[in-house]
N, C-alpha and C. Protein backbone atom coordinates (compact mmCIF):
# COMPACT_ATOMS: atom_id res chain seq x y z
N MET A 1 65.54 89.63 113.81
CA MET A 1 66.57 90.39 113.11
C MET A 1 65.95 91.54 112.31
N PHE A 2 64.89 91.25 111.57
CA PHE A 2 64.28 92.28 110.73
C PHE A 2 62.85 92.56 111.19
N GLN A 3 62.65 92.67 112.50
CA GLN A 3 61.31 92.82 113.03
C GLN A 3 60.65 94.13 112.59
N ASP A 4 61.42 95.19 112.46
CA ASP A 4 60.87 96.49 112.09
C ASP A 4 61.15 96.84 110.64
N ALA A 5 61.26 95.83 109.78
CA ALA A 5 61.58 96.08 108.37
C ALA A 5 60.48 95.47 107.49
N PRO A 6 59.42 96.22 107.22
CA PRO A 6 58.32 95.67 106.41
C PRO A 6 58.78 95.22 105.02
N ILE A 7 59.80 95.86 104.47
CA ILE A 7 60.27 95.47 103.14
C ILE A 7 60.83 94.05 103.19
N TYR A 8 61.48 93.67 104.30
CA TYR A 8 62.01 92.32 104.44
C TYR A 8 60.87 91.31 104.43
N HIS A 9 59.81 91.58 105.17
CA HIS A 9 58.67 90.67 105.21
C HIS A 9 58.00 90.56 103.84
N GLN A 10 57.95 91.66 103.11
CA GLN A 10 57.39 91.63 101.76
C GLN A 10 58.26 90.78 100.84
N LEU A 11 59.57 90.93 100.94
CA LEU A 11 60.47 90.12 100.11
C LEU A 11 60.37 88.64 100.45
N VAL A 12 60.25 88.32 101.73
CA VAL A 12 60.10 86.92 102.14
C VAL A 12 58.80 86.37 101.57
N ALA A 13 57.74 87.17 101.61
CA ALA A 13 56.46 86.71 101.07
C ALA A 13 56.55 86.48 99.56
N GLU A 14 57.30 87.35 98.86
CA GLU A 14 57.41 87.24 97.40
C GLU A 14 58.41 86.17 96.97
N ARG A 15 59.56 86.12 97.64
CA ARG A 15 60.68 85.29 97.16
C ARG A 15 60.99 84.10 98.06
N GLY A 16 60.38 84.02 99.22
CA GLY A 16 60.72 82.98 100.17
C GLY A 16 61.84 83.46 101.07
N ASP A 17 62.13 82.71 102.11
CA ASP A 17 63.17 83.09 103.06
C ASP A 17 64.52 82.62 102.53
N VAL A 18 65.11 83.43 101.67
CA VAL A 18 66.36 83.08 101.00
C VAL A 18 67.50 82.85 102.01
N PRO A 19 67.68 83.71 103.02
CA PRO A 19 68.76 83.43 103.98
C PRO A 19 68.60 82.07 104.67
N ALA A 20 67.37 81.69 105.01
CA ALA A 20 67.16 80.39 105.65
C ALA A 20 67.48 79.26 104.68
N ARG A 21 67.10 79.41 103.41
CA ARG A 21 67.41 78.37 102.42
C ARG A 21 68.91 78.25 102.21
N VAL A 22 69.61 79.36 102.21
CA VAL A 22 71.07 79.34 102.05
C VAL A 22 71.72 78.65 103.25
N ARG A 23 71.26 78.98 104.48
CA ARG A 23 71.80 78.31 105.66
C ARG A 23 71.55 76.81 105.60
N ASP A 24 70.34 76.40 105.18
CA ASP A 24 70.04 74.97 105.07
C ASP A 24 70.94 74.29 104.05
N ALA A 25 71.15 74.95 102.90
CA ALA A 25 72.02 74.38 101.87
C ALA A 25 73.45 74.27 102.37
N ALA A 26 73.93 75.30 103.07
CA ALA A 26 75.30 75.28 103.59
C ALA A 26 75.46 74.17 104.63
N THR A 27 74.48 73.99 105.48
CA THR A 27 74.53 72.92 106.48
C THR A 27 74.57 71.56 105.81
N SER A 28 73.75 71.38 104.78
CA SER A 28 73.72 70.12 104.05
C SER A 28 75.06 69.84 103.37
N ILE A 29 75.63 70.86 102.76
CA ILE A 29 76.93 70.71 102.10
C ILE A 29 78.01 70.39 103.12
N LEU A 30 77.96 71.05 104.29
CA LEU A 30 78.94 70.79 105.32
C LEU A 30 78.85 69.35 105.82
N ARG A 31 77.63 68.86 106.01
CA ARG A 31 77.46 67.46 106.44
C ARG A 31 78.00 66.50 105.39
N GLU A 32 77.68 66.77 104.12
CA GLU A 32 78.16 65.90 103.05
C GLU A 32 79.69 65.93 102.97
N LEU A 33 80.26 67.11 103.12
CA LEU A 33 81.71 67.25 103.09
C LEU A 33 82.34 66.50 104.26
N ASP A 34 81.73 66.61 105.44
CA ASP A 34 82.22 65.89 106.60
C ASP A 34 82.20 64.38 106.36
N HIS A 35 81.13 63.90 105.72
CA HIS A 35 81.03 62.47 105.40
C HIS A 35 82.11 62.05 104.39
N VAL A 36 82.29 62.86 103.35
CA VAL A 36 83.27 62.55 102.30
C VAL A 36 84.69 62.60 102.85
N MET A 37 84.95 63.53 103.75
CA MET A 37 86.30 63.69 104.29
C MET A 37 86.58 62.70 105.41
N GLY A 38 85.65 61.79 105.67
CA GLY A 38 85.88 60.76 106.67
C GLY A 38 85.71 61.22 108.09
N GLY A 39 84.84 62.19 108.29
CA GLY A 39 84.55 62.64 109.65
C GLY A 39 85.61 63.54 110.24
N MET A 40 86.45 64.14 109.41
CA MET A 40 87.44 65.07 109.94
C MET A 40 86.70 66.22 110.62
N SER A 41 87.34 66.81 111.57
CA SER A 41 86.72 67.90 112.31
C SER A 41 86.60 69.13 111.41
N LEU A 42 85.36 69.51 111.12
CA LEU A 42 85.09 70.71 110.33
C LEU A 42 84.37 71.72 111.21
N PRO A 43 84.55 73.00 110.95
CA PRO A 43 83.89 74.00 111.78
C PRO A 43 82.37 73.91 111.62
N ALA A 44 81.67 74.08 112.72
CA ALA A 44 80.21 74.04 112.69
C ALA A 44 79.68 75.37 112.18
N LEU A 45 78.58 75.31 111.48
CA LEU A 45 77.92 76.53 111.03
C LEU A 45 77.07 77.07 112.15
N SER A 46 77.07 78.36 112.28
CA SER A 46 76.21 79.00 113.26
C SER A 46 74.82 79.15 112.66
N THR A 47 73.80 78.90 113.44
CA THR A 47 72.44 79.08 112.94
C THR A 47 71.94 80.48 113.19
N SER A 48 72.71 81.29 113.92
CA SER A 48 72.28 82.67 114.14
C SER A 48 72.75 83.53 112.98
N PRO A 49 71.94 84.52 112.60
CA PRO A 49 72.32 85.37 111.48
C PRO A 49 73.55 86.21 111.82
N LEU A 50 74.31 86.53 110.80
CA LEU A 50 75.48 87.37 110.98
C LEU A 50 75.04 88.81 111.22
N PRO A 51 75.77 89.54 112.04
CA PRO A 51 75.39 90.94 112.29
C PRO A 51 75.60 91.78 111.03
N MET A 52 74.76 92.77 110.86
CA MET A 52 74.87 93.67 109.72
C MET A 52 76.04 94.63 109.98
N ARG A 53 76.85 94.86 108.97
CA ARG A 53 77.97 95.79 109.10
C ARG A 53 77.68 97.04 108.28
N GLN A 54 78.13 98.15 108.78
CA GLN A 54 78.03 99.40 108.04
C GLN A 54 79.17 99.42 107.01
N PRO A 55 78.89 99.89 105.79
CA PRO A 55 79.96 99.96 104.79
C PRO A 55 81.03 100.96 105.23
N ASP A 56 82.29 100.65 104.91
CA ASP A 56 83.36 101.57 105.27
C ASP A 56 83.36 102.74 104.29
N ALA A 57 84.25 103.69 104.51
CA ALA A 57 84.28 104.92 103.71
C ALA A 57 84.49 104.63 102.22
N SER A 58 85.37 103.70 101.88
CA SER A 58 85.63 103.42 100.47
C SER A 58 84.42 102.78 99.80
N ALA A 59 83.69 101.93 100.54
CA ALA A 59 82.49 101.31 99.98
C ALA A 59 81.40 102.36 99.79
N ARG A 60 81.26 103.27 100.78
CA ARG A 60 80.26 104.34 100.64
C ARG A 60 80.59 105.22 99.43
N ALA A 61 81.88 105.51 99.26
CA ALA A 61 82.29 106.34 98.13
C ALA A 61 82.01 105.64 96.82
N ALA A 62 82.30 104.33 96.76
CA ALA A 62 82.08 103.57 95.53
C ALA A 62 80.59 103.50 95.19
N LEU A 63 79.77 103.39 96.22
CA LEU A 63 78.34 103.28 96.01
C LEU A 63 77.62 104.61 96.12
N GLN A 64 78.35 105.65 96.48
CA GLN A 64 77.82 106.99 96.69
C GLN A 64 76.69 106.97 97.71
N LEU A 65 76.94 106.28 98.84
CA LEU A 65 75.96 106.21 99.92
C LEU A 65 76.14 107.40 100.85
N PRO A 66 75.04 107.93 101.36
CA PRO A 66 75.18 109.03 102.33
C PRO A 66 75.70 108.49 103.65
N ARG A 67 76.38 109.36 104.39
CA ARG A 67 76.87 108.97 105.72
C ARG A 67 75.68 108.85 106.65
N SER A 68 75.74 107.86 107.57
CA SER A 68 74.64 107.70 108.53
C SER A 68 74.98 108.30 109.85
């Protein structure tokens, strides 16, 4: 996902792989919830990262981001 992003690798080295930790925590919570709810059918979490979205015009205006 971030193969050509040296800043991402630097952040992972400094802070750990936060997205992976969040996915692990979400999976654990989902399993616990499934157990508590008596095995009701709950949606499975995807282990693949979500695609990056470009901010829309209002978000760019709010953040004063240049157009790409």
